[in-house]
Amino acid sequence: TVVNAYLPKGVVLVALLWWVWFRPERAEAPGDESVRRHNRE
């Protein structure tokens, strides 16, 4: 089931990519935008 299914394989890792993309940073932190850009890169 694990080998044949997509959920326990790629879906989880793709979801983690989206988490990194939208990963919240502290709004008041200096260099916040550069950190966000680095994560998205």
ModelCIF file with pLDDT and N, C-alpha, C, O atoms, coordinates in Angstrom:
data_MODEL
#
_entry.id   MODEL 
#
_entity.id                         1 
_entity.type                       polymer 
_entity.pdbx_number_of_molecules   1 
#
_entity_poly.entity_id                      1 
_entity_poly.type                           'polypeptide(L)' 
_entity_poly.nstd_linkage                   no 
_entity_poly.nstd_monomer                   no 
_entity_poly.pdbx_seq_one_letter_code       TVVNAYLPKGVVLVALLWWVWFRPERAEAPGDESVRRHNRE 
_entity_poly.pdbx_seq_one_letter_code_can   TVVNAYLPKGVVLVALLWWVWFRPERAEAPGDESVRRHNRE 
_entity_poly.pdbx_strand_id                 A 
#
loop_
_entity_poly_seq.entity_id 
_entity_poly_seq.num 
_entity_poly_seq.mon_id 
_entity_poly_seq.hetero 
1 1  THR n 
1 2  VAL n 
1 3  VAL n 
1 4  ASN n 
1 5  ALA n 
1 6  TYR n 
1 7  LEU n 
1 8  PRO n 
1 9  LYS n 
1 10 GLY n 
1 11 VAL n 
1 12 VAL n 
1 13 LEU n 
1 14 VAL n 
1 15 ALA n 
1 16 LEU n 
1 17 LEU n 
1 18 TRP n 
1 19 TRP n 
1 20 VAL n 
1 21 TRP n 
1 22 PHE n 
1 23 ARG n 
1 24 PRO n 
1 25 GLU n 
1 26 ARG n 
1 27 ALA n 
1 28 GLU n 
1 29 ALA n 
1 30 PRO n 
1 31 GLY n 
1 32 ASP n 
1 33 GLU n 
1 34 SER n 
1 35 VAL n 
1 36 ARG n 
1 37 ARG n 
1 38 HIS n 
1 39 ASN n 
1 40 ARG n 
1 41 GLU n 
#
_struct_asym.id          A 
_struct_asym.entity_id   1 
#
loop_
_ma_qa_metric.id 
_ma_qa_metric.mode 
_ma_qa_metric.name 
_ma_qa_metric.software_group_id 
_ma_qa_metric.type 
1 global pLDDT . pLDDT 
2 local  pLDDT . pLDDT 
#
_ma_qa_metric_global.metric_id      1 
_ma_qa_metric_global.metric_value   82.17 
_ma_qa_metric_global.model_id       1 
_ma_qa_metric_global.ordinal_id     1 
#
loop_
_ma_qa_metric_local.label_asym_id 
_ma_qa_metric_local.label_comp_id 
_ma_qa_metric_local.label_seq_id 
_ma_qa_metric_local.metric_id 
_ma_qa_metric_local.metric_value 
_ma_qa_metric_local.model_id 
_ma_qa_metric_local.ordinal_id 
A THR 1  2 82.00 1 1  
A VAL 2  2 84.00 1 2  
A VAL 3  2 82.00 1 3  
A ASN 4  2 82.00 1 4  
A ALA 5  2 83.00 1 5  
A TYR 6  2 86.00 1 6  
A LEU 7  2 85.00 1 7  
A PRO 8  2 82.00 1 8  
A LYS 9  2 83.00 1 9  
A GLY 10 2 87.00 1 10 
A VAL 11 2 93.00 1 11 
A VAL 12 2 93.00 1 12 
A LEU 13 2 94.00 1 13 
A VAL 14 2 94.00 1 14 
A ALA 15 2 95.00 1 15 
A LEU 16 2 95.00 1 16 
A LEU 17 2 95.00 1 17 
A TRP 18 2 95.00 1 18 
A TRP 19 2 94.00 1 19 
A VAL 20 2 93.00 1 20 
A TRP 21 2 93.00 1 21 
A PHE 22 2 91.00 1 22 
A ARG 23 2 84.00 1 23 
A PRO 24 2 73.00 1 24 
A GLU 25 2 63.00 1 25 
A ARG 26 2 55.00 1 26 
A ALA 27 2 50.00 1 27 
A GLU 28 2 51.00 1 28 
A ALA 29 2 56.00 1 29 
A PRO 30 2 57.00 1 30 
A GLY 31 2 59.00 1 31 
A ASP 32 2 69.00 1 32 
A GLU 33 2 78.00 1 33 
A SER 34 2 84.00 1 34 
A VAL 35 2 86.00 1 35 
A ARG 36 2 87.00 1 36 
A ARG 37 2 89.00 1 37 
A HIS 38 2 90.00 1 38 
A ASN 39 2 91.00 1 39 
A ARG 40 2 93.00 1 40 
A GLU 41 2 93.00 1 41 
#
loop_
_atom_site.group_PDB 
_atom_site.id 
_atom_site.type_symbol 
_atom_site.label_atom_id 
_atom_site.label_alt_id 
_atom_site.label_comp_id 
_atom_site.label_asym_id 
_atom_site.label_entity_id 
_atom_site.label_seq_id 
_atom_site.pdbx_PDB_ins_code 
_atom_site.Cartn_x 
_atom_site.Cartn_y 
_atom_site.Cartn_z 
_atom_site.occupancy 
_atom_site.B_iso_or_equiv 
_atom_site.pdbx_formal_charge 
_atom_site.auth_seq_id 
_atom_site.auth_comp_id 
_atom_site.auth_asym_id 
_atom_site.auth_atom_id 
_atom_site.pdbx_PDB_model_num 
ATOM 1   N N  . THR A 1 1  ? 0.828  -1.201 0.000  1.00 82.00 ? 1  THR A N  1 
ATOM 2   C CA . THR A 1 1  ? 0.000  0.000  0.000  1.00 82.00 ? 1  THR A CA 1 
ATOM 3   C C  . THR A 1 1  ? 0.862  1.250  0.000  1.00 82.00 ? 1  THR A C  1 
ATOM 4   O O  . THR A 1 1  ? 0.573  2.206  -0.718 1.00 82.00 ? 1  THR A O  1 
ATOM 5   N N  . VAL A 1 2  ? 1.919  1.247  0.802  1.00 84.00 ? 2  VAL A N  1 
ATOM 6   C CA . VAL A 1 2  ? 2.827  2.393  0.857  1.00 84.00 ? 2  VAL A CA 1 
ATOM 7   C C  . VAL A 1 2  ? 3.498  2.612  -0.490 1.00 84.00 ? 2  VAL A C  1 
ATOM 8   O O  . VAL A 1 2  ? 3.623  3.751  -0.941 1.00 84.00 ? 2  VAL A O  1 
ATOM 9   N N  . VAL A 1 3  ? 3.930  1.539  -1.136 1.00 82.00 ? 3  VAL A N  1 
ATOM 10  C CA . VAL A 1 3  ? 4.611  1.657  -2.428 1.00 82.00 ? 3  VAL A CA 1 
ATOM 11  C C  . VAL A 1 3  ? 3.661  2.142  -3.512 1.00 82.00 ? 3  VAL A C  1 
ATOM 12  O O  . VAL A 1 3  ? 4.044  2.945  -4.363 1.00 82.00 ? 3  VAL A O  1 
ATOM 13  N N  . ASN A 1 4  ? 2.422  1.659  -3.485 1.00 82.00 ? 4  ASN A N  1 
ATOM 14  C CA . ASN A 1 4  ? 1.476  1.988  -4.551 1.00 82.00 ? 4  ASN A CA 1 
ATOM 15  C C  . ASN A 1 4  ? 0.766  3.318  -4.355 1.00 82.00 ? 4  ASN A C  1 
ATOM 16  O O  . ASN A 1 4  ? 0.275  3.903  -5.320 1.00 82.00 ? 4  ASN A O  1 
ATOM 17  N N  . ALA A 1 5  ? 0.705  3.805  -3.116 1.00 83.00 ? 5  ALA A N  1 
ATOM 18  C CA . ALA A 1 5  ? -0.048 5.026  -2.834 1.00 83.00 ? 5  ALA A CA 1 
ATOM 19  C C  . ALA A 1 5  ? 0.841  6.257  -2.952 1.00 83.00 ? 5  ALA A C  1 
ATOM 20  O O  . ALA A 1 5  ? 2.062  6.172  -2.818 1.00 83.00 ? 5  ALA A O  1 
ATOM 21  N N  . TYR A 1 6  ? 0.214  7.398  -3.205 1.00 86.00 ? 6  TYR A N  1 
ATOM 22  C CA . TYR A 1 6  ? 0.957  8.657  -3.307 1.00 86.00 ? 6  TYR A CA 1 
ATOM 23  C C  . TYR A 1 6  ? 1.020  9.408  -1.990 1.00 86.00 ? 6  TYR A C  1 
ATOM 24  O O  . TYR A 1 6  ? 1.994  10.112 -1.726 1.00 86.00 ? 6  TYR A O  1 
ATOM 25  N N  . LEU A 1 7  ? -0.015 9.268  -1.151 1.00 85.00 ? 7  LEU A N  1 
ATOM 26  C CA . LEU A 1 7  ? -0.075 10.043 0.088  1.00 85.00 ? 7  LEU A CA 1 
ATOM 27  C C  . LEU A 1 7  ? 1.124  9.804  1.001  1.00 85.00 ? 7  LEU A C  1 
ATOM 28  O O  . LEU A 1 7  ? 1.713  10.777 1.472  1.00 85.00 ? 7  LEU A O  1 
ATOM 29  N N  . PRO A 1 8  ? 1.518  8.545  1.278  1.00 82.00 ? 8  PRO A N  1 
ATOM 30  C CA . PRO A 1 8  ? 2.666  8.354  2.181  1.00 82.00 ? 8  PRO A CA 1 
ATOM 31  C C  . PRO A 1 8  ? 4.021  8.601  1.512  1.00 82.00 ? 8  PRO A C  1 
ATOM 32  O O  . PRO A 1 8  ? 5.062  8.477  2.158  1.00 82.00 ? 8  PRO A O  1 
ATOM 33  N N  . LYS A 1 9  ? 4.014  8.945  0.246  1.00 83.00 ? 9  LYS A N  1 
ATOM 34  C CA . LYS A 1 9  ? 5.277  9.188  -0.447 1.00 83.00 ? 9  LYS A CA 1 
ATOM 35  C C  . LYS A 1 9  ? 5.402  10.677 -0.771 1.00 83.00 ? 9  LYS A C  1 
ATOM 36  O O  . LYS A 1 9  ? 5.760  11.478 0.093  1.00 83.00 ? 9  LYS A O  1 
ATOM 37  N N  . GLY A 1 10 ? 5.108  11.037 -2.006 1.00 87.00 ? 10 GLY A N  1 
ATOM 38  C CA . GLY A 1 10 ? 5.377  12.396 -2.447 1.00 87.00 ? 10 GLY A CA 1 
ATOM 39  C C  . GLY A 1 10 ? 4.481  13.459 -1.880 1.00 87.00 ? 10 GLY A C  1 
ATOM 40  O O  . GLY A 1 10 ? 4.914  14.601 -1.725 1.00 87.00 ? 10 GLY A O  1 
ATOM 41  N N  . VAL A 1 11 ? 3.232  13.127 -1.560 1.00 93.00 ? 11 VAL A N  1 
ATOM 42  C CA . VAL A 1 11 ? 2.294  14.150 -1.096 1.00 93.00 ? 11 VAL A CA 1 
ATOM 43  C C  . VAL A 1 11 ? 2.805  14.825 0.172  1.00 93.00 ? 11 VAL A C  1 
ATOM 44  O O  . VAL A 1 11 ? 2.708  16.045 0.311  1.00 93.00 ? 11 VAL A O  1 
ATOM 45  N N  . VAL A 1 12 ? 3.337  14.051 1.081  1.00 93.00 ? 12 VAL A N  1 
ATOM 46  C CA . VAL A 1 12 ? 3.841  14.605 2.347  1.00 93.00 ? 12 VAL A CA 1 
ATOM 47  C C  . VAL A 1 12 ? 4.993  15.572 2.091  1.00 93.00 ? 12 VAL A C  1 
ATOM 48  O O  . VAL A 1 12 ? 5.029  16.662 2.661  1.00 93.00 ? 12 VAL A O  1 
ATOM 49  N N  . LEU A 1 13 ? 5.921  15.182 1.246  1.00 94.00 ? 13 LEU A N  1 
ATOM 50  C CA . LEU A 1 13 ? 7.083  16.034 0.988  1.00 94.00 ? 13 LEU A CA 1 
ATOM 51  C C  . LEU A 1 13 ? 6.703  17.286 0.202  1.00 94.00 ? 13 LEU A C  1 
ATOM 52  O O  . LEU A 1 13 ? 7.271  18.355 0.424  1.00 94.00 ? 13 LEU A O  1 
ATOM 53  N N  . VAL A 1 14 ? 5.745  17.156 -0.714 1.00 94.00 ? 14 VAL A N  1 
ATOM 54  C CA . VAL A 1 14 ? 5.260  18.345 -1.425 1.00 94.00 ? 14 VAL A CA 1 
ATOM 55  C C  . VAL A 1 14 ? 4.568  19.296 -0.447 1.00 94.00 ? 14 VAL A C  1 
ATOM 56  O O  . VAL A 1 14 ? 4.717  20.513 -0.555 1.00 94.00 ? 14 VAL A O  1 
ATOM 57  N N  . ALA A 1 15 ? 3.814  18.747 0.505  1.00 95.00 ? 15 ALA A N  1 
ATOM 58  C CA . ALA A 1 15 ? 3.179  19.589 1.527  1.00 95.00 ? 15 ALA A CA 1 
ATOM 59  C C  . ALA A 1 15 ? 4.232  20.333 2.343  1.00 95.00 ? 15 ALA A C  1 
ATOM 60  O O  . ALA A 1 15 ? 4.027  21.492 2.707  1.00 95.00 ? 15 ALA A O  1 
ATOM 61  N N  . LEU A 1 16 ? 5.355  19.682 2.634  1.00 95.00 ? 16 LEU A N  1 
ATOM 62  C CA . LEU A 1 16 ? 6.426  20.355 3.374  1.00 95.00 ? 16 LEU A CA 1 
ATOM 63  C C  . LEU A 1 16 ? 7.056  21.472 2.551  1.00 95.00 ? 16 LEU A C  1 
ATOM 64  O O  . LEU A 1 16 ? 7.482  22.484 3.108  1.00 95.00 ? 16 LEU A O  1 
ATOM 65  N N  . LEU A 1 17 ? 7.119  21.301 1.234  1.00 95.00 ? 17 LEU A N  1 
ATOM 66  C CA . LEU A 1 17 ? 7.603  22.391 0.372  1.00 95.00 ? 17 LEU A CA 1 
ATOM 67  C C  . LEU A 1 17 ? 6.690  23.609 0.485  1.00 95.00 ? 17 LEU A C  1 
ATOM 68  O O  . LEU A 1 17 ? 7.164  24.743 0.560  1.00 95.00 ? 17 LEU A O  1 
ATOM 69  N N  . TRP A 1 18 ? 5.374  23.369 0.496  1.00 95.00 ? 18 TRP A N  1 
ATOM 70  C CA . TRP A 1 18 ? 4.440  24.476 0.655  1.00 95.00 ? 18 TRP A CA 1 
ATOM 71  C C  . TRP A 1 18 ? 4.596  25.119 2.028  1.00 95.00 ? 18 TRP A C  1 
ATOM 72  O O  . TRP A 1 18 ? 4.463  26.335 2.165  1.00 95.00 ? 18 TRP A O  1 
ATOM 73  N N  . TRP A 1 19 ? 4.878  24.307 3.045  1.00 94.00 ? 19 TRP A N  1 
ATOM 74  C CA . TRP A 1 19 ? 5.100  24.865 4.384  1.00 94.00 ? 19 TRP A CA 1 
ATOM 75  C C  . TRP A 1 19 ? 6.313  25.794 4.379  1.00 94.00 ? 19 TRP A C  1 
ATOM 76  O O  . TRP A 1 19 ? 6.271  26.881 4.956  1.00 94.00 ? 19 TRP A O  1 
ATOM 77  N N  . VAL A 1 20 ? 7.392  25.364 3.725  1.00 93.00 ? 20 VAL A N  1 
ATOM 78  C CA . VAL A 1 20 ? 8.578  26.220 3.643  1.00 93.00 ? 20 VAL A CA 1 
ATOM 79  C C  . VAL A 1 20 ? 8.248  27.501 2.888  1.00 93.00 ? 20 VAL A C  1 
ATOM 80  O O  . VAL A 1 20 ? 8.685  28.583 3.280  1.00 93.00 ? 20 VAL A O  1 
ATOM 81  N N  . TRP A 1 21 ? 7.476  27.384 1.803  1.00 93.00 ? 21 TRP A N  1 
ATOM 82  C CA . TRP A 1 21 ? 7.139  28.568 1.001  1.00 93.00 ? 21 TRP A CA 1 
ATOM 83  C C  . TRP A 1 21 ? 6.367  29.601 1.821  1.00 93.00 ? 21 TRP A C  1 
ATOM 84  O O  . TRP A 1 21 ? 6.654  30.795 1.733  1.00 93.00 ? 21 TRP A O  1 
ATOM 85  N N  . PHE A 1 22 ? 5.390  29.155 2.620  1.00 91.00 ? 22 PHE A N  1 
ATOM 86  C CA . PHE A 1 22 ? 4.550  30.058 3.401  1.00 91.00 ? 22 PHE A CA 1 
ATOM 87  C C  . PHE A 1 22 ? 4.991  30.143 4.861  1.00 91.00 ? 22 PHE A C  1 
ATOM 88  O O  . PHE A 1 22 ? 4.260  30.663 5.704  1.00 91.00 ? 22 PHE A O  1 
ATOM 89  N N  . ARG A 1 23 ? 6.169  29.641 5.154  1.00 84.00 ? 23 ARG A N  1 
ATOM 90  C CA . ARG A 1 23 ? 6.663  29.608 6.532  1.00 84.00 ? 23 ARG A CA 1 
ATOM 91  C C  . ARG A 1 23 ? 6.619  31.006 7.149  1.00 84.00 ? 23 ARG A C  1 
ATOM 92  O O  . ARG A 1 23 ? 7.237  31.933 6.624  1.00 84.00 ? 23 ARG A O  1 
ATOM 93  N N  . PRO A 1 24 ? 5.896  31.166 8.256  1.00 73.00 ? 24 PRO A N  1 
ATOM 94  C CA . PRO A 1 24 ? 5.775  32.502 8.849  1.00 73.00 ? 24 PRO A CA 1 
ATOM 95  C C  . PRO A 1 24 ? 7.072  32.938 9.521  1.00 73.00 ? 24 PRO A C  1 
ATOM 96  O O  . PRO A 1 24 ? 7.757  32.148 10.171 1.00 73.00 ? 24 PRO A O  1 
ATOM 97  N N  . GLU A 1 25 ? 7.382  34.197 9.348  1.00 63.00 ? 25 GLU A N  1 
ATOM 98  C CA . GLU A 1 25 ? 8.513  34.806 10.041 1.00 63.00 ? 25 GLU A CA 1 
ATOM 99  C C  . GLU A 1 25 ? 7.978  35.916 10.939 1.00 63.00 ? 25 GLU A C  1 
ATOM 100 O O  . GLU A 1 25 ? 6.906  36.464 10.684 1.00 63.00 ? 25 GLU A O  1 
ATOM 101 N N  . ARG A 1 26 ? 8.707  36.237 11.960 1.00 55.00 ? 26 ARG A N  1 
ATOM 102 C CA . ARG A 1 26 ? 8.282  37.315 12.846 1.00 55.00 ? 26 ARG A CA 1 
ATOM 103 C C  . ARG A 1 26 ? 8.298  38.641 12.087 1.00 55.00 ? 26 ARG A C  1 
ATOM 104 O O  . ARG A 1 26 ? 9.318  39.030 11.519 1.00 55.00 ? 26 ARG A O  1 
ATOM 105 N N  . ALA A 1 27 ? 7.177  39.315 12.083 1.00 50.00 ? 27 ALA A N  1 
ATOM 106 C CA . ALA A 1 27 ? 7.065  40.543 11.293 1.00 50.00 ? 27 ALA A CA 1 
ATOM 107 C C  . ALA A 1 27 ? 8.080  41.598 11.713 1.00 50.00 ? 27 ALA A C  1 
ATOM 108 O O  . ALA A 1 27 ? 8.542  42.387 10.889 1.00 50.00 ? 27 ALA A O  1 
ATOM 109 N N  . GLU A 1 28 ? 8.427  41.607 13.014 1.00 51.00 ? 28 GLU A N  1 
ATOM 110 C CA . GLU A 1 28 ? 9.332  42.646 13.496 1.00 51.00 ? 28 GLU A CA 1 
ATOM 111 C C  . GLU A 1 28 ? 10.801 42.258 13.345 1.00 51.00 ? 28 GLU A C  1 
ATOM 112 O O  . GLU A 1 28 ? 11.687 43.065 13.627 1.00 51.00 ? 28 GLU A O  1 
ATOM 113 N N  . ALA A 1 29 ? 11.065 41.028 12.902 1.00 56.00 ? 29 ALA A N  1 
ATOM 114 C CA . ALA A 1 29 ? 12.454 40.573 12.816 1.00 56.00 ? 29 ALA A CA 1 
ATOM 115 C C  . ALA A 1 29 ? 13.180 41.300 11.689 1.00 56.00 ? 29 ALA A C  1 
ATOM 116 O O  . ALA A 1 29 ? 12.636 41.430 10.592 1.00 56.00 ? 29 ALA A O  1 
ATOM 117 N N  . PRO A 1 30 ? 14.402 41.777 11.941 1.00 57.00 ? 30 PRO A N  1 
ATOM 118 C CA . PRO A 1 30 ? 15.164 42.416 10.872 1.00 57.00 ? 30 PRO A CA 1 
ATOM 119 C C  . PRO A 1 30 ? 15.553 41.401 9.807  1.00 57.00 ? 30 PRO A C  1 
ATOM 120 O O  . PRO A 1 30 ? 15.874 40.252 10.110 1.00 57.00 ? 30 PRO A O  1 
ATOM 121 N N  . GLY A 1 31 ? 15.518 41.840 8.572  1.00 59.00 ? 31 GLY A N  1 
ATOM 122 C CA . GLY A 1 31 ? 15.879 40.941 7.486  1.00 59.00 ? 31 GLY A CA 1 
ATOM 123 C C  . GLY A 1 31 ? 14.835 39.897 7.188  1.00 59.00 ? 31 GLY A C  1 
ATOM 124 O O  . GLY A 1 31 ? 15.122 38.883 6.552  1.00 59.00 ? 31 GLY A O  1 
ATOM 125 N N  . ASP A 1 32 ? 13.596 40.144 7.656  1.00 69.00 ? 32 ASP A N  1 
ATOM 126 C CA . ASP A 1 32 ? 12.536 39.151 7.486  1.00 69.00 ? 32 ASP A CA 1 
ATOM 127 C C  . ASP A 1 32 ? 12.296 38.834 6.011  1.00 69.00 ? 32 ASP A C  1 
ATOM 128 O O  . ASP A 1 32 ? 12.142 37.669 5.644  1.00 69.00 ? 32 ASP A O  1 
ATOM 129 N N  . GLU A 1 33 ? 12.262 39.864 5.166  1.00 78.00 ? 33 GLU A N  1 
ATOM 130 C CA . GLU A 1 33 ? 11.971 39.657 3.758  1.00 78.00 ? 33 GLU A CA 1 
ATOM 131 C C  . GLU A 1 33 ? 13.073 38.860 3.072  1.00 78.00 ? 33 GLU A C  1 
ATOM 132 O O  . GLU A 1 33 ? 12.793 38.036 2.201  1.00 78.00 ? 33 GLU A O  1 
ATOM 133 N N  . SER A 1 34 ? 14.318 39.097 3.456  1.00 84.00 ? 34 SER A N  1 
ATOM 134 C CA . SER A 1 34 ? 15.425 38.343 2.850  1.00 84.00 ? 34 SER A CA 1 
ATOM 135 C C  . SER A 1 34 ? 15.379 36.873 3.273  1.00 84.00 ? 34 SER A C  1 
ATOM 136 O O  . SER A 1 34 ? 15.718 35.989 2.487  1.00 84.00 ? 34 SER A O  1 
ATOM 137 N N  . VAL A 1 35 ? 14.958 36.614 4.518  1.00 86.00 ? 35 VAL A N  1 
ATOM 138 C CA . VAL A 1 35 ? 14.816 35.231 4.981  1.00 86.00 ? 35 VAL A CA 1 
ATOM 139 C C  . VAL A 1 35 ? 13.714 34.529 4.196  1.00 86.00 ? 35 VAL A C  1 
ATOM 140 O O  . VAL A 1 35 ? 13.874 33.385 3.772  1.00 86.00 ? 35 VAL A O  1 
ATOM 141 N N  . ARG A 1 36 ? 12.596 35.224 4.008  1.00 87.00 ? 36 ARG A N  1 
ATOM 142 C CA . ARG A 1 36 ? 11.479 34.641 3.255  1.00 87.00 ? 36 ARG A CA 1 
ATOM 143 C C  . ARG A 1 36 ? 11.898 34.362 1.810  1.00 87.00 ? 36 ARG A C  1 
ATOM 144 O O  . ARG A 1 36 ? 11.566 33.315 1.256  1.00 87.00 ? 36 ARG A O  1 
ATOM 145 N N  . ARG A 1 37 ? 12.617 35.288 1.212  1.00 89.00 ? 37 ARG A N  1 
ATOM 146 C CA . ARG A 1 37 ? 13.069 35.090 -0.166 1.00 89.00 ? 37 ARG A CA 1 
ATOM 147 C C  . ARG A 1 37 ? 14.030 33.907 -0.248 1.00 89.00 ? 37 ARG A C  1 
ATOM 148 O O  . ARG A 1 37 ? 13.962 33.101 -1.175 1.00 89.00 ? 37 ARG A O  1 
ATOM 149 N N  . HIS A 1 38 ? 14.932 33.816 0.743  1.00 90.00 ? 38 HIS A N  1 
ATOM 150 C CA . HIS A 1 38 ? 15.884 32.698 0.767  1.00 90.00 ? 38 HIS A CA 1 
ATOM 151 C C  . HIS A 1 38 ? 15.153 31.361 0.859  1.00 90.00 ? 38 HIS A C  1 
ATOM 152 O O  . HIS A 1 38 ? 15.499 30.413 0.154  1.00 90.00 ? 38 HIS A O  1 
ATOM 153 N N  . ASN A 1 39 ? 14.149 31.284 1.721  1.00 91.00 ? 39 ASN A N  1 
ATOM 154 C CA . ASN A 1 39 ? 13.376 30.043 1.856  1.00 91.00 ? 39 ASN A CA 1 
ATOM 155 C C  . ASN A 1 39 ? 12.674 29.690 0.550  1.00 91.00 ? 39 ASN A C  1 
ATOM 156 O O  . ASN A 1 39 ? 12.636 28.526 0.150  1.00 91.00 ? 39 ASN A O  1 
ATOM 157 N N  . ARG A 1 40 ? 12.121 30.697 -0.105 1.00 93.00 ? 40 ARG A N  1 
ATOM 158 C CA . ARG A 1 40 ? 11.410 30.431 -1.351 1.00 93.00 ? 40 ARG A CA 1 
ATOM 159 C C  . ARG A 1 40 ? 12.375 30.051 -2.472 1.00 93.00 ? 40 ARG A C  1 
ATOM 160 O O  . ARG A 1 40 ? 12.036 29.248 -3.340 1.00 93.00 ? 40 ARG A O  1 
ATOM 161 N N  . GLU A 1 41 ? 13.553 30.618 -2.452 1.00 93.00 ? 41 GLU A N  1 
ATOM 162 C CA . GLU A 1 41 ? 14.572 30.183 -3.411 1.00 93.00 ? 41 GLU A CA 1 
ATOM 163 C C  . GLU A 1 41 ? 14.891 28.702 -3.208 1.00 93.00 ? 41 GLU A C  1 
ATOM 164 O O  . GLU A 1 41 ? 15.727 28.147 -3.921 1.00 93.00 ? 41 GLU A O  1 
#
